[in-house]
Amino acid sequence: MRLNVGLMVLLVISSVGNLIVSNHGANQRYAFSKSMAEYRALQSEHQKLLNRVAELQSPNRLITESERLQLVNAADIAYVTTGGAVALNR
């Protein structure tokens, strides 16, 4: 009789342990699946943003915007240069 009760308790504890481990594994798979779906969505959004940046920086767009704003081409570009710099340490 004692042996049967002991085995029954062991069986119940083993079943509960198995249930806990299975539940933990299922939760981990669900969290991973959700994270991967979010990662794919962010990847897609990132690619769309990269495409938009490329579109905004394209030469054709810059030419179109320059014409729309009625900008004129510079005849000559003069760069300002500085002389040598001296630092004193006292």
Protein backbone atom coordinates (compact mmCIF):
# COMPACT_ATOMS: atom_id res chain seq x y z
CA MET A 1 0.00 0.00 0.00
CA ARG A 2 2.77 2.43 0.90
CA LEU A 3 4.63 1.58 -2.28
CA ASN A 4 1.55 2.31 -4.41
CA VAL A 5 1.03 5.71 -2.75
CA GLY A 6 4.72 6.53 -3.18
CA LEU A 7 4.63 5.55 -6.84
CA MET A 8 1.44 7.55 -7.35
CA VAL A 9 3.05 10.65 -5.78
CA LEU A 10 6.15 10.14 -7.91
CA LEU A 11 3.99 9.80 -11.02
CA VAL A 12 2.06 12.99 -10.21
CA ILE A 13 5.27 14.95 -9.52
CA SER A 14 6.82 13.62 -12.72
CA SER A 15 3.73 14.57 -14.73
CA VAL A 16 3.63 18.08 -13.27
CA GLY A 17 7.35 18.49 -13.99
CA ASN A 18 6.84 17.33 -17.55
CA LEU A 19 3.94 19.76 -17.94
CA ILE A 20 6.06 22.65 -16.63
CA VAL A 21 8.94 21.85 -18.99
CA SER A 22 6.58 21.50 -21.98
CA ASN A 23 4.85 24.77 -21.15
CA HIS A 24 8.19 26.57 -20.84
CA GLY A 25 9.30 25.23 -24.22
CA ALA A 26 6.05 26.31 -25.86
CA ASN A 27 6.37 29.79 -24.36
CA GLN A 28 9.95 30.06 -25.62
CA ARG A 29 8.94 29.03 -29.14
CA TYR A 30 6.07 31.53 -29.13
CA ALA A 31 8.33 34.36 -27.93
CA PHE A 32 10.94 33.46 -30.56
CA SER A 33 8.32 33.33 -33.31
CA LYS A 34 6.93 36.71 -32.25
CA SER A 35 10.43 38.22 -32.15
CA MET A 36 11.23 36.88 -35.61
CA ALA A 37 8.01 38.33 -37.04
CA GLU A 38 8.86 41.71 -35.50
CA TYR A 39 12.42 41.45 -36.86
CA ARG A 40 11.12 40.73 -40.37
CA ALA A 41 8.74 43.69 -40.17
CA LEU A 42 11.57 45.98 -39.03
CA GLN A 43 13.81 44.66 -41.80
CA SER A 44 11.12 45.44 -44.36
CA GLU A 45 10.62 48.94 -42.95
CA HIS A 46 14.38 49.52 -42.93
CA GLN A 47 14.62 48.50 -46.59
CA LYS A 48 11.77 50.88 -47.47
CA LEU A 49 13.58 53.70 -45.68
CA LEU A 50 16.83 52.90 -47.49
CA ASN A 51 14.98 53.00 -50.80
CA ARG A 52 13.44 56.35 -49.85
CA VAL A 53 16.87 57.76 -48.93
CA ALA A 54 18.29 56.61 -52.26
CA GLU A 55 15.32 58.16 -54.04
CA LEU A 56 15.74 61.47 -52.22
CA GLN A 57 19.47 61.57 -52.93
CA SER A 58 19.22 60.64 -56.60
CA PRO A 59 20.70 63.10 -59.09
CA ASN A 60 17.42 63.35 -61.01
CA ARG A 61 15.56 64.44 -57.90
CA LEU A 62 18.25 66.98 -57.04
CA ILE A 63 18.08 68.43 -60.55
CA THR A 64 14.28 68.58 -60.40
CA GLU A 65 14.32 70.29 -57.00
CA SER A 66 16.98 72.75 -58.16
CA GLU A 67 14.83 73.69 -61.14
CA ARG A 68 11.71 73.92 -58.99
CA LEU A 69 13.48 76.27 -56.57
CA GLN A 70 14.95 78.20 -59.52
CA LEU A 71 18.49 77.78 -58.30
CA VAL A 72 21.28 78.92 -60.60
CA ASN A 73 24.54 77.11 -61.19
CA ALA A 74 27.58 78.63 -59.54
CA ALA A 75 30.10 79.92 -62.07
CA ASP A 76 33.02 79.22 -59.80
CA ILE A 77 33.47 77.81 -56.33
CA ALA A 78 36.13 79.41 -54.16
CA TYR A 79 37.16 77.45 -51.11
CA VAL A 80 38.35 79.36 -48.07
CA THR A 81 41.66 78.16 -46.72
CA THR A 82 43.25 79.06 -43.45
CA GLY A 83 46.85 79.87 -42.80
CA GLY A 84 48.98 77.85 -40.46
CA ALA A 85 47.77 77.66 -36.89
CA VAL A 86 50.02 78.19 -33.89
CA ALA A 87 49.25 76.98 -30.40
CA LEU A 88 51.07 78.33 -27.37
CA ASN A 89 51.33 76.39 -24.17
CA ARG A 90 52.12 78.40 -21.05
